[in-house]
Amino acid sequence: MDERTGALFSYVDLETRVRNDHPLRTIRRLVNDALSALEADFAALYSGLGRPSIAPEKLLRAMLLQAFYSIRSERQLMERLEFDLLFRWFVGLGIDDAVWDHSSFSKNRDRLLDGDIAAKFLVAVLAQPQVKRLLSTEHFSVDGTLIEAWASMKSVRPKDGSDGPPSAGGGRNPDASFHGQKRSNQTHASTTDPDARLYKKGAGKEAKLCFIGHGLMENRHGLLVDACLTHADGHAERVAGLHMIEPHADRPRAITLGADRGYDAEDFVNELRSMQVTPHVARNISGRRSAIDGRTVRHPGYAASLRIRKRIEEAFGWIKTVAGQKKTRFRGLERVGWSFTFAAAAYNLVRLPRLMEGSG
């Protein structure tokens, strides 16, 4: 007869339950070192008065697990923490420690928005000596990807309110017809997320409410050294690219920046050259003249940059599919941008154990 009898006392050492070669061990060491560098930032965000909050270190470790294991909601994350010993070990919860309420977890997470912790965490991970030696300081690639907003196309309304109240039919999902209507970002906005913008990925494509996530990748191992998110418009990728490469341009030797043909614009190329950055941008000669001259194209490094720059799509693919950023769960440019940058840091951490092992 299959019966289970619970023991009166039980002692479980979580440290012994995680195998020595588990990749999360290396990741946890990197995370702990990065979090130690952010102690002053955490102290500035948390008051010593009132009820004790969730420790920001545990909060961020839990959020990393959420990205690593594609956990869609905070409620599911808390459920996993209840029974998964590996999760408890990584976060820093003892076997008898109570798991937080999912709503308390969400409220404490929102505190971290004020200190731009996601960007600082990304920098702190890359600044560690064992990681820094893996990075290229001369060759980079830049690209952008669409992040769908957490808002329906039915929420797009005229800014002047000329269409009147929404139809009552359909309950929470009212009937709506856009046939014959001309909508643009100048005249319309989403009532659900006003920061989202209507954007088409190309001619003949449908317009969606989106943001654009941008990444700067170093070309040696394909790690993201910077990430940000902007409104979706035709100039956002080039503006963000200049903003992200600028801190790396102050070098004794010239650096290169690879990009697809969407970045082939005269103003972008000229700005790069003024920063002593060689533009390894794919030429766009579809009915127009490219801003990339023949001298740049003939250089052997140009072809190498165009080949390597495609690896940034691997990072975006992981961020959107595994870390759940294809369609964001948040609203507002600040919160969506925080989540995207944090997912970029999680992508680096997933790749680092193998890279460090191969270089050691």
Protein backbone atom coordinates (compact mmCIF):
# COMPACT_ATOMS: atom_id res chain seq x y z
CA MET A 1 0.00 0.00 0.00
CA ASP A 2 1.44 3.33 -1.12
CA GLU A 3 1.27 5.56 1.94
CA ARG A 4 3.39 8.56 2.85
CA THR A 5 4.22 9.44 6.43
CA GLY A 6 5.78 12.84 7.10
CA ALA A 7 8.82 13.00 9.35
CA LEU A 8 8.57 14.93 12.58
CA PHE A 9 11.84 16.77 11.87
CA SER A 10 13.61 17.25 8.59
CA TYR A 11 16.80 19.12 7.71
CA VAL A 12 17.50 19.96 4.08
CA ASP A 13 20.75 21.67 3.13
CA LEU A 14 19.93 23.42 -0.15
CA GLU A 15 23.62 23.86 -0.95
CA THR A 16 24.08 20.10 -1.25
CA ARG A 17 20.98 19.69 -3.43
CA VAL A 18 22.51 21.72 -6.31
CA ARG A 19 25.16 19.85 -8.26
CA ASN A 20 28.61 21.43 -8.39
CA ASP A 21 28.65 21.87 -12.16
CA HIS A 22 25.20 23.44 -12.41
CA PRO A 23 25.39 26.63 -14.58
CA LEU A 24 23.35 28.55 -12.01
CA ARG A 25 26.29 28.29 -9.59
CA THR A 26 28.49 30.41 -11.87
CA ILE A 27 25.61 32.74 -12.62
CA ARG A 28 24.85 33.19 -8.92
CA ARG A 29 28.47 34.16 -8.17
CA LEU A 30 28.40 36.75 -10.94
CA VAL A 31 25.03 38.06 -9.76
CA ASN A 32 26.15 38.33 -6.13
CA ASP A 33 29.28 40.30 -7.11
CA ALA A 34 27.19 42.64 -9.26
CA LEU A 35 24.61 43.14 -6.50
CA SER A 36 27.37 43.93 -3.99
CA ALA A 37 28.49 46.77 -6.28
CA LEU A 38 24.94 48.19 -6.16
CA GLU A 39 24.55 48.26 -2.37
CA ALA A 40 24.71 52.06 -2.23
CA ASP A 41 22.00 52.33 -4.89
CA PHE A 42 19.74 49.95 -2.99
CA ALA A 43 20.27 51.86 0.27
CA ALA A 44 19.13 55.08 -1.42
CA LEU A 45 15.90 53.44 -2.61
CA TYR A 46 14.84 51.74 0.63
CA SER A 47 13.89 53.56 3.80
CA GLY A 48 14.83 52.19 7.21
CA LEU A 49 11.38 53.11 8.55
CA GLY A 50 8.14 51.20 8.28
CA ARG A 51 7.55 47.53 7.56
CA PRO A 52 10.50 45.52 6.22
CA SER A 53 10.52 45.16 2.43
CA ILE A 54 11.66 42.32 0.22
CA ALA A 55 15.44 42.50 0.02
CA PRO A 56 16.31 43.93 -3.42
CA GLU A 57 19.01 41.29 -3.91
CA LYS A 58 16.46 38.48 -3.48
CA LEU A 59 13.97 40.37 -5.61
CA LEU A 60 16.39 40.67 -8.53
CA ARG A 61 17.53 37.05 -8.27
CA ALA A 62 13.89 35.95 -8.44
CA MET A 63 13.33 38.15 -11.49
CA LEU A 64 16.33 36.56 -13.19
CA LEU A 65 14.80 33.12 -12.67
CA GLN A 66 11.60 34.46 -14.17
CA ALA A 67 13.55 35.38 -17.33
CA PHE A 68 15.68 32.20 -17.41
CA TYR A 69 12.71 29.83 -17.12
CA SER A 70 10.09 31.80 -19.13
CA ILE A 71 7.75 32.28 -16.16
CA ARG A 72 5.00 34.54 -17.38
CA SER A 73 3.56 35.99 -14.16
CA GLU A 74 4.56 36.85 -10.61
CA ARG A 75 1.87 34.52 -9.31
CA GLN A 76 3.46 31.59 -11.18
CA LEU A 77 6.91 32.63 -9.93
CA MET A 78 5.76 32.56 -6.31
CA GLU A 79 4.18 29.17 -6.91
CA ARG A 80 7.47 27.85 -8.28
CA LEU A 81 9.38 29.22 -5.29
CA GLU A 82 7.10 27.26 -2.98
CA PHE A 83 8.23 23.83 -4.18
CA ASP A 84 11.42 24.22 -6.24
CA LEU A 85 14.57 23.79 -4.13
CA LEU A 86 16.80 25.09 -6.93
CA PHE A 87 14.78 28.32 -7.07
CA ARG A 88 14.95 28.75 -3.30
CA TRP A 89 18.71 28.21 -3.30
CA PHE A 90 19.31 30.73 -6.11
CA VAL A 91 17.10 33.43 -4.58
CA GLY A 92 18.48 32.92 -1.06
CA LEU A 93 15.37 31.58 0.67
CA GLY A 94 15.70 28.88 3.30
CA ILE A 95 13.65 25.71 3.12
CA ASP A 96 11.34 27.00 5.87
CA ASP A 97 11.16 30.63 4.72
CA ALA A 98 7.75 31.86 3.62
CA VAL A 99 7.30 32.90 0.01
CA TRP A 100 6.12 36.45 -0.66
CA ASP A 101 2.67 37.40 -1.83
CA HIS A 102 2.71 38.05 -5.58
CA SER A 103 1.22 41.55 -5.20
CA SER A 104 3.85 42.53 -2.61
CA PHE A 105 6.52 41.24 -4.97
CA SER A 106 5.18 43.43 -7.80
CA LYS A 107 5.03 46.56 -5.62
CA ASN A 108 8.60 46.08 -4.40
CA ARG A 109 9.79 45.47 -7.97
CA ASP A 110 8.36 48.82 -9.04
CA ARG A 111 10.59 50.59 -6.50
CA LEU A 112 13.63 49.61 -8.53
CA LEU A 113 12.42 51.72 -11.45
CA ASP A 114 13.43 54.91 -9.63
CA GLY A 115 17.09 54.04 -9.43
CA ASP A 116 17.55 52.79 -13.01
CA ILE A 117 18.74 49.55 -11.43
CA ALA A 118 18.41 47.47 -14.61
CA ALA A 119 21.00 49.52 -16.51
CA LYS A 120 23.32 49.64 -13.50
CA PHE A 121 23.00 45.88 -13.03
CA LEU A 122 23.93 45.29 -16.69
CA VAL A 123 27.03 47.47 -16.26
CA ALA A 124 27.97 45.82 -12.94
CA VAL A 125 27.90 42.34 -14.49
CA LEU A 126 30.12 43.40 -17.39
CA ALA A 127 32.55 45.28 -15.13
CA GLN A 128 33.71 42.15 -13.30
CA PRO A 129 37.30 41.22 -14.26
CA GLN A 130 36.47 37.67 -15.39
CA VAL A 131 33.78 39.10 -17.70
CA LYS A 132 35.55 42.25 -18.85
CA ARG A 133 38.39 40.30 -20.43
CA LEU A 134 35.87 38.56 -22.70
CA LEU A 135 34.66 41.82 -24.24
CA SER A 136 35.88 43.51 -27.38
CA THR A 137 36.67 47.22 -26.94
CA GLU A 138 37.05 48.01 -30.64
CA HIS A 139 34.36 46.22 -32.65
CA PHE A 140 30.63 46.58 -32.01
CA SER A 141 27.25 46.02 -33.70
CA VAL A 142 23.93 47.77 -33.18
CA ASP A 143 20.36 46.88 -34.04
CA GLY A 144 16.77 47.35 -32.92
CA THR A 145 13.74 45.10 -32.50
CA LEU A 146 10.03 45.71 -32.09
CA ILE A 147 8.44 45.10 -28.69
CA GLU A 148 4.66 44.82 -28.88
CA ALA A 149 2.81 46.95 -26.36
CA TRP A 150 0.38 45.55 -23.78
CA ALA A 151 -2.50 47.33 -25.47
CA SER A 152 -5.16 46.46 -28.02
CA MET A 153 -5.62 48.26 -31.32
CA LYS A 154 -9.16 48.94 -30.09
CA SER A 155 -7.66 51.28 -27.50
CA VAL A 156 -6.42 53.65 -30.23
CA ARG A 157 -8.67 56.72 -30.14
CA PRO A 158 -8.52 60.25 -31.56
CA LYS A 159 -6.63 62.56 -29.24
CA ASP A 160 -9.37 65.17 -29.48
CA GLY A 161 -12.06 62.68 -28.43
CA SER A 162 -14.05 63.22 -31.62
CA ASP A 163 -15.22 59.58 -31.89
CA GLY A 164 -17.25 59.72 -28.69
CA PRO A 165 -17.48 56.93 -26.07
CA PRO A 166 -16.75 53.32 -27.13
CA SER A 167 -19.62 51.04 -28.12
CA ALA A 168 -21.38 49.26 -25.28
CA GLY A 169 -21.69 46.02 -27.28
CA GLY A 170 -19.37 43.20 -26.33
CA GLY A 171 -18.99 43.90 -22.60
CA ARG A 172 -15.32 44.18 -21.65
CA ASN A 173 -14.39 43.71 -25.30
CA PRO A 174 -16.61 46.27 -27.09
CA ASP A 175 -17.28 46.13 -30.80
CA ALA A 176 -15.10 48.40 -32.90
CA SER A 177 -14.81 49.06 -36.62
CA PHE A 178 -11.90 51.00 -38.12
CA HIS A 179 -12.96 50.59 -41.73
CA GLY A 180 -12.26 53.73 -43.74
CA GLN A 181 -10.54 55.51 -40.83
CA LYS A 182 -7.12 57.07 -41.22
CA ARG A 183 -5.12 56.80 -38.00
CA SER A 184 -1.66 58.16 -37.23
CA ASN A 185 0.46 58.90 -34.18
CA GLN A 186 -0.14 62.61 -34.69
CA THR A 187 -3.92 62.32 -34.38
CA HIS A 188 -4.47 59.11 -32.38
CA ALA A 189 -3.14 57.51 -29.20
CA SER A 190 -3.80 54.40 -27.17
CA THR A 191 -5.91 54.96 -24.08
CA THR A 192 -4.36 51.86 -22.49
CA ASP A 193 -0.71 52.81 -23.02
CA PRO A 194 -0.24 56.36 -24.36
CA ASP A 195 3.52 55.77 -24.72
CA ALA A 196 3.00 53.06 -27.36
CA ARG A 197 3.14 54.10 -31.02
CA LEU A 198 1.57 52.77 -34.19
CA TYR A 199 4.39 51.31 -36.28
CA LYS A 200 4.76 49.25 -39.46
CA LYS A 201 7.72 46.93 -39.83
CA GLY A 202 7.72 47.43 -43.59
CA ALA A 203 5.65 48.38 -46.63
CA GLY A 204 2.43 46.38 -46.80
CA LYS A 205 2.71 45.24 -43.16
CA GLU A 206 0.02 45.87 -40.58
CA ALA A 207 0.51 48.62 -38.03
CA LYS A 208 0.91 47.56 -34.41
CA LEU A 209 1.24 49.35 -31.09
CA CYS A 210 4.95 49.00 -30.35
CA PHE A 211 8.14 50.20 -28.74
CA ILE A 212 11.61 49.66 -30.17
CA GLY A 213 14.26 47.91 -28.08
CA HIS A 214 17.87 48.68 -29.00
CA GLY A 215 21.01 46.69 -28.29
CA LEU A 216 24.74 47.34 -28.63
CA MET A 217 26.77 44.13 -28.99
CA GLU A 218 30.50 43.62 -28.74
CA ASN A 219 31.69 41.45 -31.61
CA ARG A 220 34.12 39.09 -29.86
CA HIS A 221 31.56 36.92 -28.05
CA GLY A 222 28.25 38.58 -28.91
CA LEU A 223 27.45 39.96 -25.45
CA LEU A 224 25.18 42.99 -25.08
CA VAL A 225 27.11 45.91 -23.59
CA ASP A 226 24.18 48.33 -23.66
CA ALA A 227 20.43 48.23 -24.14
CA CYS A 228 17.62 50.77 -24.13
CA LEU A 229 14.06 51.24 -25.32
CA THR A 230 12.46 54.15 -27.18
CA HIS A 231 9.23 55.18 -28.82
CA ALA A 232 8.70 53.50 -32.19
CA ASP A 233 9.50 55.85 -35.06
CA GLY A 234 11.62 55.90 -38.20
CA HIS A 235 14.60 57.69 -36.63
CA ALA A 236 14.72 55.89 -33.27
CA GLU A 237 17.23 53.21 -34.25
CA ARG A 238 19.84 55.63 -35.55
CA VAL A 239 19.46 58.04 -32.65
CA ALA A 240 19.73 55.21 -30.10
CA GLY A 241 22.72 53.75 -31.95
CA LEU A 242 24.64 57.03 -31.69
CA HIS A 243 23.69 57.37 -28.03
CA MET A 244 24.92 53.86 -27.14
CA ILE A 245 28.19 53.94 -29.09
CA GLU A 246 29.26 57.39 -27.85
CA PRO A 247 30.67 56.23 -24.46
CA HIS A 248 32.83 53.66 -26.27
CA ALA A 249 34.15 56.09 -28.90
CA ASP A 250 36.72 57.73 -26.62
CA ARG A 251 39.51 55.32 -27.49
CA PRO A 252 43.12 55.80 -28.67
CA ARG A 253 42.32 53.61 -31.69
CA ALA A 254 39.34 53.92 -34.01
CA ILE A 255 36.47 51.52 -33.40
CA THR A 256 33.97 49.98 -35.79
CA LEU A 257 30.19 49.76 -35.64
CA GLY A 258 28.31 47.22 -37.73
CA ALA A 259 24.66 47.74 -38.61
CA ASP A 260 22.08 46.72 -41.20
CA ARG A 261 21.08 48.88 -44.16
CA GLY A 262 18.40 50.66 -42.18
CA TYR A 263 21.24 52.66 -40.63
CA ASP A 264 22.61 53.72 -44.04
CA ALA A 265 21.79 57.42 -43.73
CA GLU A 266 24.17 60.29 -44.39
CA ASP A 267 23.59 62.03 -41.05
CA PHE A 268 24.18 58.80 -39.09
CA VAL A 269 27.36 57.92 -40.99
CA ASN A 270 28.75 61.45 -40.65
CA GLU A 271 28.06 61.48 -36.89
CA LEU A 272 29.94 58.20 -36.50
CA ARG A 273 32.93 59.51 -38.42
CA SER A 274 33.01 62.66 -36.28
CA MET A 275 33.31 60.37 -33.21
CA GLN A 276 36.19 58.44 -34.85
CA VAL A 277 33.92 55.42 -35.32
CA THR A 278 34.25 53.56 -38.64
CA PRO A 279 30.72 52.83 -39.96
CA HIS A 280 30.51 49.21 -41.09
CA VAL A 281 26.93 49.67 -42.24
CA ALA A 282 25.34 47.51 -44.91
CA ARG A 283 24.84 49.55 -48.08
CA ASN A 284 21.30 50.46 -49.11
CA ILE A 285 21.34 51.02 -52.87
CA SER A 286 17.68 50.35 -53.59
CA GLY A 287 16.92 53.35 -55.80
CA ARG A 288 19.24 55.60 -53.83
CA ARG A 289 22.89 56.40 -53.20
CA SER A 290 24.57 54.78 -50.21
CA ALA A 291 26.33 56.92 -47.60
CA ILE A 292 29.05 54.22 -47.30
CA ASP A 293 31.93 54.92 -49.65
CA GLY A 294 33.91 52.38 -51.66
CA ARG A 295 36.99 52.75 -49.47
CA THR A 296 35.10 51.42 -46.46
CA VAL A 297 33.57 48.54 -48.40
CA ARG A 298 36.94 47.37 -49.74
CA HIS A 299 38.41 46.97 -46.24
CA PRO A 300 38.47 43.27 -45.17
CA GLY A 301 37.10 44.19 -41.74
CA TYR A 302 33.90 45.50 -43.36
CA ALA A 303 32.81 42.06 -44.56
CA ALA A 304 33.68 40.54 -41.18
CA SER A 305 31.56 43.13 -39.34
CA LEU A 306 28.56 42.53 -41.60
CA ARG A 307 28.84 38.79 -40.99
CA ILE A 308 29.21 39.06 -37.20
CA ARG A 309 26.57 41.75 -36.67
CA LYS A 310 23.81 39.22 -37.41
CA ARG A 311 24.58 37.56 -34.07
CA ILE A 312 22.69 40.33 -32.32
CA GLU A 313 19.53 38.67 -33.64
CA GLU A 314 20.34 35.71 -31.38
CA ALA A 315 20.23 38.03 -28.38
CA PHE A 316 16.95 39.59 -29.48
CA GLY A 317 15.51 36.14 -30.16
CA TRP A 318 16.32 34.97 -26.61
CA ILE A 319 15.04 38.19 -25.04
CA LYS A 320 11.74 38.00 -26.91
CA THR A 321 11.00 34.27 -26.75
CA VAL A 322 12.63 32.97 -23.55
CA ALA A 323 12.52 36.15 -21.44
CA GLY A 324 9.01 36.96 -22.68
CA GLN A 325 9.64 40.39 -24.15
CA LYS A 326 8.02 39.82 -27.56
CA LYS A 327 4.82 41.25 -26.11
CA THR A 328 5.56 43.14 -22.93
CA ARG A 329 3.53 42.67 -19.75
CA PHE A 330 4.09 46.26 -18.67
CA ARG A 331 2.81 49.66 -19.69
CA GLY A 332 4.65 52.92 -20.11
CA LEU A 333 8.02 53.63 -21.70
CA GLU A 334 9.90 53.60 -18.38
CA ARG A 335 8.62 50.24 -17.14
CA VAL A 336 8.88 48.49 -20.50
CA GLY A 337 12.40 49.88 -20.96
CA TRP A 338 13.44 48.67 -17.49
CA SER A 339 12.17 45.17 -18.28
CA PHE A 340 13.94 45.08 -21.67
CA THR A 341 17.29 46.18 -20.24
CA PHE A 342 17.03 43.66 -17.40
CA ALA A 343 16.31 40.91 -19.93
CA ALA A 344 19.49 41.94 -21.80
CA ALA A 345 21.48 41.46 -18.57
CA ALA A 346 19.82 38.04 -18.11
CA TYR A 347 20.86 37.05 -21.64
CA ASN A 348 24.49 37.85 -20.87
CA LEU A 349 24.35 35.83 -17.67
CA VAL A 350 22.97 32.78 -19.46
CA ARG A 351 25.89 32.87 -21.91
CA LEU A 352 28.69 33.66 -19.47
CA PRO A 353 29.22 30.25 -17.75
CA ARG A 354 30.17 28.55 -21.01
CA LEU A 355 32.21 31.52 -22.26
CA MET A 356 34.17 31.70 -19.01
CA GLU A 357 34.77 27.96 -19.06
CA GLY A 358 36.06 28.12 -22.63
CA SER A 359 38.41 31.03 -21.92
CA GLY A 360 39.72 29.66 -18.65
